[in-house]
Amino acid sequence: MISEYLASGRSGSFGVTSDRLTMALVMIDYLKYAKKYYGTGVSSEWHRIKLAIRPVKSLYAGHPAVEFGPQHFKAVRQQMVDAGLSRTGINAHMKRIARMMKWS
């Protein structure tokens, strides 16, 4: 069990059943992964991911990850529209969020 925990990168969500996994835990684990994968340089994708998941965090941090679906995705997109982001910026952020969910 210790080996599995260490292999998970000391994940905060290690051992949590999928029905108890919240969006906050998914975001934390994905940010750890992205930091390791992309690095933290000035133009790193990691910084863009942090910006992309802000609306997810504000709307659905305590929400079960298995229930995050198309309607939630659209609500996140609408929050970005309301914040005045450009279409290309929103599309890029939404791809980052989709990539996070696919990764999880």
C-alpha atoms as a PDB file:
ATOM      1  CA  MET A   1       0.000   0.000   0.000  1.00  0.00           C
ATOM      2  CA  ILE A   2       2.854   2.383   0.788  1.00  0.00           C
ATOM      3  CA  SER A   3       4.393   1.687  -2.613  1.00  0.00           C
ATOM      4  CA  GLU A   4       1.085   2.476  -4.309  1.00  0.00           C
ATOM      5  CA  TYR A   5       0.800   5.733  -2.367  1.00  0.00           C
ATOM      6  CA  LEU A   6       4.319   6.767  -3.344  1.00  0.00           C
ATOM      7  CA  ALA A   7       3.676   5.762  -6.959  1.00  0.00           C
ATOM      8  CA  SER A   8       0.624   8.034  -6.986  1.00  0.00           C
ATOM      9  CA  GLY A   9       2.908  10.984  -6.317  1.00  0.00           C
ATOM     10  CA  ARG A  10       1.642  11.230  -2.749  1.00  0.00           C
ATOM     11  CA  SER A  11      -1.721  12.215  -4.072  1.00  0.00           C
ATOM     12  CA  GLY A  12      -4.226  13.747  -1.701  1.00  0.00           C
ATOM     13  CA  SER A  13      -6.905  11.686  -3.379  1.00  0.00           C
ATOM     14  CA  PHE A  14      -5.097   8.359  -2.934  1.00  0.00           C
ATOM     15  CA  GLY A  15      -7.516   5.761  -1.610  1.00  0.00           C
ATOM     16  CA  VAL A  16     -10.582   7.961  -2.106  1.00  0.00           C
ATOM     17  CA  THR A  17     -13.377   6.126  -3.871  1.00  0.00           C
ATOM     18  CA  SER A  18     -14.531   7.631  -7.153  1.00  0.00           C
ATOM     19  CA  ASP A  19     -17.922   8.624  -5.721  1.00  0.00           C
ATOM     20  CA  ARG A  20     -16.213  10.669  -2.969  1.00  0.00           C
ATOM     21  CA  LEU A  21     -13.667  12.341  -5.235  1.00  0.00           C
ATOM     22  CA  THR A  22     -14.412  16.063  -5.449  1.00  0.00           C
ATOM     23  CA  MET A  23     -13.465  18.502  -8.171  1.00  0.00           C
ATOM     24  CA  ALA A  24     -11.118  20.195  -5.700  1.00  0.00           C
ATOM     25  CA  LEU A  25      -9.116  16.984  -5.293  1.00  0.00           C
ATOM     26  CA  VAL A  26      -9.011  16.463  -9.055  1.00  0.00           C
ATOM     27  CA  MET A  27      -7.777  20.025  -9.587  1.00  0.00           C
ATOM     28  CA  ILE A  28      -5.088  19.726  -6.903  1.00  0.00           C
ATOM     29  CA  ASP A  29      -3.795  16.454  -8.312  1.00  0.00           C
ATOM     30  CA  TYR A  30      -3.887  17.744 -11.885  1.00  0.00           C
ATOM     31  CA  LEU A  31      -1.982  20.888 -10.932  1.00  0.00           C
ATOM     32  CA  LYS A  32       0.696  18.754  -9.260  1.00  0.00           C
ATOM     33  CA  TYR A  33       0.931  16.616 -12.377  1.00  0.00           C
ATOM     34  CA  ALA A  34       1.021  19.635 -14.700  1.00  0.00           C
ATOM     35  CA  LYS A  35       3.695  21.343 -12.603  1.00  0.00           C
ATOM     36  CA  LYS A  36       5.879  18.288 -12.883  1.00  0.00           C
ATOM     37  CA  TYR A  37       5.116  17.724 -16.584  1.00  0.00           C
ATOM     38  CA  TYR A  38       5.238  21.303 -17.889  1.00  0.00           C
ATOM     39  CA  GLY A  39       7.475  22.958 -15.311  1.00  0.00           C
ATOM     40  CA  THR A  40       6.939  26.434 -13.895  1.00  0.00           C
ATOM     41  CA  GLY A  41       8.780  28.632 -16.377  1.00  0.00           C
ATOM     42  CA  VAL A  42       7.427  32.045 -17.258  1.00  0.00           C
ATOM     43  CA  SER A  43       5.596  30.787 -20.355  1.00  0.00           C
ATOM     44  CA  SER A  44       4.679  27.379 -18.947  1.00  0.00           C
ATOM     45  CA  GLU A  45       1.329  25.737 -19.685  1.00  0.00           C
ATOM     46  CA  TRP A  46       1.029  25.218 -15.911  1.00  0.00           C
ATOM     47  CA  HIS A  47       0.244  28.926 -15.440  1.00  0.00           C
ATOM     48  CA  ARG A  48      -2.462  28.751 -18.109  1.00  0.00           C
ATOM     49  CA  ILE A  49      -4.001  25.692 -16.458  1.00  0.00           C
ATOM     50  CA  LYS A  50      -4.169  27.555 -13.142  1.00  0.00           C
ATOM     51  CA  LEU A  51      -6.097  30.358 -14.852  1.00  0.00           C
ATOM     52  CA  ALA A  52      -8.376  27.938 -16.690  1.00  0.00           C
ATOM     53  CA  ILE A  53      -9.541  26.098 -13.582  1.00  0.00           C
ATOM     54  CA  ARG A  54     -10.389  29.191 -11.532  1.00  0.00           C
ATOM     55  CA  PRO A  55     -14.049  29.206 -12.623  1.00  0.00           C
ATOM     56  CA  VAL A  56     -14.278  25.456 -11.974  1.00  0.00           C
ATOM     57  CA  LYS A  57     -12.920  26.049  -8.495  1.00  0.00           C
ATOM     58  CA  SER A  58     -15.346  28.885  -7.750  1.00  0.00           C
ATOM     59  CA  LEU A  59     -18.390  26.992  -9.010  1.00  0.00           C
ATOM     60  CA  TYR A  60     -17.724  23.308  -8.325  1.00  0.00           C
ATOM     61  CA  ALA A  61     -14.855  22.760  -5.862  1.00  0.00           C
ATOM     62  CA  GLY A  62     -16.994  20.648  -3.515  1.00  0.00           C
ATOM     63  CA  HIS A  63     -18.929  18.940  -6.300  1.00  0.00           C
ATOM     64  CA  PRO A  64     -18.363  15.200  -6.892  1.00  0.00           C
ATOM     65  CA  ALA A  65     -16.062  14.777  -9.894  1.00  0.00           C
ATOM     66  CA  VAL A  66     -18.069  11.873 -11.313  1.00  0.00           C
ATOM     67  CA  GLU A  67     -21.107  14.158 -11.640  1.00  0.00           C
ATOM     68  CA  PHE A  68     -19.267  16.912 -13.551  1.00  0.00           C
ATOM     69  CA  GLY A  69     -20.953  16.833 -16.933  1.00  0.00           C
ATOM     70  CA  PRO A  70     -21.897  18.922 -19.960  1.00  0.00           C
ATOM     71  CA  GLN A  71     -24.193  21.287 -18.051  1.00  0.00           C
ATOM     72  CA  HIS A  72     -21.452  22.068 -15.533  1.00  0.00           C
ATOM     73  CA  PHE A  73     -18.981  22.522 -18.369  1.00  0.00           C
ATOM     74  CA  LYS A  74     -21.352  25.019 -20.016  1.00  0.00           C
ATOM     75  CA  ALA A  75     -21.778  26.921 -16.739  1.00  0.00           C
ATOM     76  CA  VAL A  76     -17.993  27.260 -16.460  1.00  0.00           C
ATOM     77  CA  ARG A  77     -17.860  28.522 -20.042  1.00  0.00           C
ATOM     78  CA  GLN A  78     -20.622  31.028 -19.328  1.00  0.00           C
ATOM     79  CA  GLN A  79     -18.721  32.367 -16.334  1.00  0.00           C
ATOM     80  CA  MET A  80     -15.741  32.971 -18.625  1.00  0.00           C
ATOM     81  CA  VAL A  81     -17.998  34.752 -21.132  1.00  0.00           C
ATOM     82  CA  ASP A  82     -19.422  36.916 -18.334  1.00  0.00           C
ATOM     83  CA  ALA A  83     -15.859  37.763 -17.252  1.00  0.00           C
ATOM     84  CA  GLY A  84     -15.253  39.196 -20.723  1.00  0.00           C
ATOM     85  CA  LEU A  85     -12.658  36.704 -21.969  1.00  0.00           C
ATOM     86  CA  SER A  86     -12.152  36.401 -25.708  1.00  0.00           C
ATOM     87  CA  ARG A  87     -13.543  33.491 -27.691  1.00  0.00           C
ATOM     88  CA  THR A  88     -10.089  32.072 -28.436  1.00  0.00           C
ATOM     89  CA  GLY A  89      -9.105  32.391 -24.773  1.00  0.00           C
ATOM     90  CA  ILE A  90     -12.262  30.671 -23.620  1.00  0.00           C
ATOM     91  CA  ASN A  91     -11.840  27.865 -26.147  1.00  0.00           C
ATOM     92  CA  ALA A  92      -8.243  27.307 -25.024  1.00  0.00           C
ATOM     93  CA  HIS A  93      -9.271  27.253 -21.356  1.00  0.00           C
ATOM     94  CA  MET A  94     -12.132  24.855 -22.032  1.00  0.00           C
ATOM     95  CA  LYS A  95      -9.726  22.493 -23.796  1.00  0.00           C
ATOM     96  CA  ARG A  96      -7.498  22.614 -20.717  1.00  0.00           C
ATOM     97  CA  ILE A  97     -10.452  21.751 -18.465  1.00  0.00           C
ATOM     98  CA  ALA A  98     -11.495  18.895 -20.774  1.00  0.00           C
ATOM     99  CA  ARG A  99      -7.919  17.619 -20.728  1.00  0.00           C
ATOM    100  CA  MET A 100      -7.954  17.713 -16.913  1.00  0.00           C
ATOM    101  CA  MET A 101     -11.180  15.713 -16.785  1.00  0.00           C
ATOM    102  CA  LYS A 102      -9.862  13.192 -19.296  1.00  0.00           C
ATOM    103  CA  TRP A 103      -6.668  12.877 -17.243  1.00  0.00           C
ATOM    104  CA  SER A 104      -8.654  12.232 -14.065  1.00  0.00           C
END
